[in-house]
Amino acid sequence: MIGAVVKRAVTSRSLIQVPKRTLYPHTSSNHVAGMPRNRIPFPEKVATGIFLATCILATPAWVVTHMDDYRGGAVGEV
């Protein structure tokens, strides 16, 4: 009796196929990338690029323009 239960448990499909735990369980990991479904218009790409470049360069530009404040000197002094 115990042998039959153990044999059934060992050959059970639920024990053989362990579900994969992922960050996004609703997606499958066996998808292959293909052509995009929606084409992004060129002006939107340009606007996004300008926005990202502005966001990335804003802090360094602020630091460079206020370098005298960081050094402790007055404006115009070397």
C-alpha atoms as a PDB file:
ATOM      1  CA  MET A   1       0.000   0.000   0.000  1.00  0.00           C
ATOM      2  CA  ILE A   2       2.741   2.465   0.933  1.00  0.00           C
ATOM      3  CA  GLY A   3       4.719   1.399  -2.144  1.00  0.00           C
ATOM      4  CA  ALA A   4       1.813   2.276  -4.435  1.00  0.00           C
ATOM      5  CA  VAL A   5       1.408   5.705  -2.820  1.00  0.00           C
ATOM      6  CA  VAL A   6       5.134   6.422  -3.111  1.00  0.00           C
ATOM      7  CA  LYS A   7       5.171   5.224  -6.731  1.00  0.00           C
ATOM      8  CA  ARG A   8       2.189   7.448  -7.580  1.00  0.00           C
ATOM      9  CA  ALA A   9       3.803  10.441  -5.840  1.00  0.00           C
ATOM     10  CA  VAL A  10       7.107   9.950  -7.653  1.00  0.00           C
ATOM     11  CA  THR A  11       5.518   9.616 -11.089  1.00  0.00           C
ATOM     12  CA  SER A  12       3.015  12.419 -10.534  1.00  0.00           C
ATOM     13  CA  ARG A  13       3.140  15.209 -13.124  1.00  0.00           C
ATOM     14  CA  SER A  14       2.684  17.844 -10.430  1.00  0.00           C
ATOM     15  CA  LEU A  15       5.993  16.877  -8.841  1.00  0.00           C
ATOM     16  CA  ILE A  16       7.860  16.618 -12.134  1.00  0.00           C
ATOM     17  CA  GLN A  17       6.813  20.011 -13.521  1.00  0.00           C
ATOM     18  CA  VAL A  18       7.552  22.566 -10.851  1.00  0.00           C
ATOM     19  CA  PRO A  19       6.066  25.951 -11.762  1.00  0.00           C
ATOM     20  CA  LYS A  20       8.683  28.610 -12.407  1.00  0.00           C
ATOM     21  CA  ARG A  21       8.549  31.584 -10.058  1.00  0.00           C
ATOM     22  CA  THR A  22       9.133  34.821 -11.901  1.00  0.00           C
ATOM     23  CA  LEU A  23       8.767  38.494 -11.183  1.00  0.00           C
ATOM     24  CA  TYR A  24       5.939  38.702 -13.704  1.00  0.00           C
ATOM     25  CA  PRO A  25       3.948  35.456 -13.514  1.00  0.00           C
ATOM     26  CA  HIS A  26       1.567  36.511 -16.297  1.00  0.00           C
ATOM     27  CA  THR A  27       4.370  36.476 -18.872  1.00  0.00           C
ATOM     28  CA  SER A  28       6.002  33.460 -20.380  1.00  0.00           C
ATOM     29  CA  SER A  29       9.756  33.149 -20.702  1.00  0.00           C
ATOM     30  CA  ASN A  30       9.617  31.336 -24.049  1.00  0.00           C
ATOM     31  CA  HIS A  31       8.551  34.274 -26.218  1.00  0.00           C
ATOM     32  CA  VAL A  32      10.727  35.234 -29.141  1.00  0.00           C
ATOM     33  CA  ALA A  33      11.017  38.899 -30.043  1.00  0.00           C
ATOM     34  CA  GLY A  34       9.557  39.843 -33.370  1.00  0.00           C
ATOM     35  CA  MET A  35       8.420  42.901 -35.228  1.00  0.00           C
ATOM     36  CA  PRO A  36       6.887  45.647 -33.070  1.00  0.00           C
ATOM     37  CA  ARG A  37       3.105  45.779 -32.926  1.00  0.00           C
ATOM     38  CA  ASN A  38       2.859  49.575 -32.988  1.00  0.00           C
ATOM     39  CA  ARG A  39       5.257  51.844 -34.841  1.00  0.00           C
ATOM     40  CA  ILE A  40       6.423  54.831 -32.774  1.00  0.00           C
ATOM     41  CA  PRO A  41       6.338  58.030 -34.854  1.00  0.00           C
ATOM     42  CA  PHE A  42       9.638  59.824 -35.496  1.00  0.00           C
ATOM     43  CA  PRO A  43       8.577  63.131 -33.821  1.00  0.00           C
ATOM     44  CA  GLU A  44       7.760  61.205 -30.656  1.00  0.00           C
ATOM     45  CA  LYS A  45      11.198  59.574 -30.751  1.00  0.00           C
ATOM     46  CA  VAL A  46      12.832  62.998 -31.174  1.00  0.00           C
ATOM     47  CA  ALA A  47      10.802  64.500 -28.312  1.00  0.00           C
ATOM     48  CA  THR A  48      11.690  61.580 -26.046  1.00  0.00           C
ATOM     49  CA  GLY A  49      15.388  61.896 -26.928  1.00  0.00           C
ATOM     50  CA  ILE A  50      15.402  65.639 -26.217  1.00  0.00           C
ATOM     51  CA  PHE A  51      13.609  65.082 -22.902  1.00  0.00           C
ATOM     52  CA  LEU A  52      16.044  62.355 -21.806  1.00  0.00           C
ATOM     53  CA  ALA A  53      19.103  64.380 -22.848  1.00  0.00           C
ATOM     54  CA  THR A  54      17.782  67.419 -20.958  1.00  0.00           C
ATOM     55  CA  CYS A  55      17.127  65.367 -17.830  1.00  0.00           C
ATOM     56  CA  ILE A  56      20.569  63.746 -17.956  1.00  0.00           C
ATOM     57  CA  LEU A  57      22.474  66.992 -18.600  1.00  0.00           C
ATOM     58  CA  ALA A  58      20.514  69.288 -16.243  1.00  0.00           C
ATOM     59  CA  THR A  59      22.436  68.461 -13.041  1.00  0.00           C
ATOM     60  CA  PRO A  60      25.951  68.677 -14.562  1.00  0.00           C
ATOM     61  CA  ALA A  61      25.007  71.965 -16.254  1.00  0.00           C
ATOM     62  CA  TRP A  62      23.766  73.356 -12.920  1.00  0.00           C
ATOM     63  CA  VAL A  63      26.987  72.337 -11.173  1.00  0.00           C
ATOM     64  CA  VAL A  64      29.199  73.846 -13.890  1.00  0.00           C
ATOM     65  CA  THR A  65      27.321  77.161 -13.890  1.00  0.00           C
ATOM     66  CA  HIS A  66      27.490  77.388 -10.075  1.00  0.00           C
ATOM     67  CA  MET A  67      31.110  76.254  -9.713  1.00  0.00           C
ATOM     68  CA  ASP A  68      32.062  79.473  -7.890  1.00  0.00           C
ATOM     69  CA  ASP A  69      29.427  78.796  -5.236  1.00  0.00           C
ATOM     70  CA  TYR A  70      30.863  75.333  -4.681  1.00  0.00           C
ATOM     71  CA  ARG A  71      34.418  76.695  -4.377  1.00  0.00           C
ATOM     72  CA  GLY A  72      33.335  79.377  -1.920  1.00  0.00           C
ATOM     73  CA  GLY A  73      34.373  82.392  -3.971  1.00  0.00           C
ATOM     74  CA  ALA A  74      32.327  85.341  -5.121  1.00  0.00           C
ATOM     75  CA  VAL A  75      31.128  85.652  -8.678  1.00  0.00           C
ATOM     76  CA  GLY A  76      33.920  86.930 -10.932  1.00  0.00           C
ATOM     77  CA  GLU A  77      36.798  85.995  -8.587  1.00  0.00           C
ATOM     78  CA  VAL A  78      39.357  83.395  -9.519  1.00  0.00           C
END
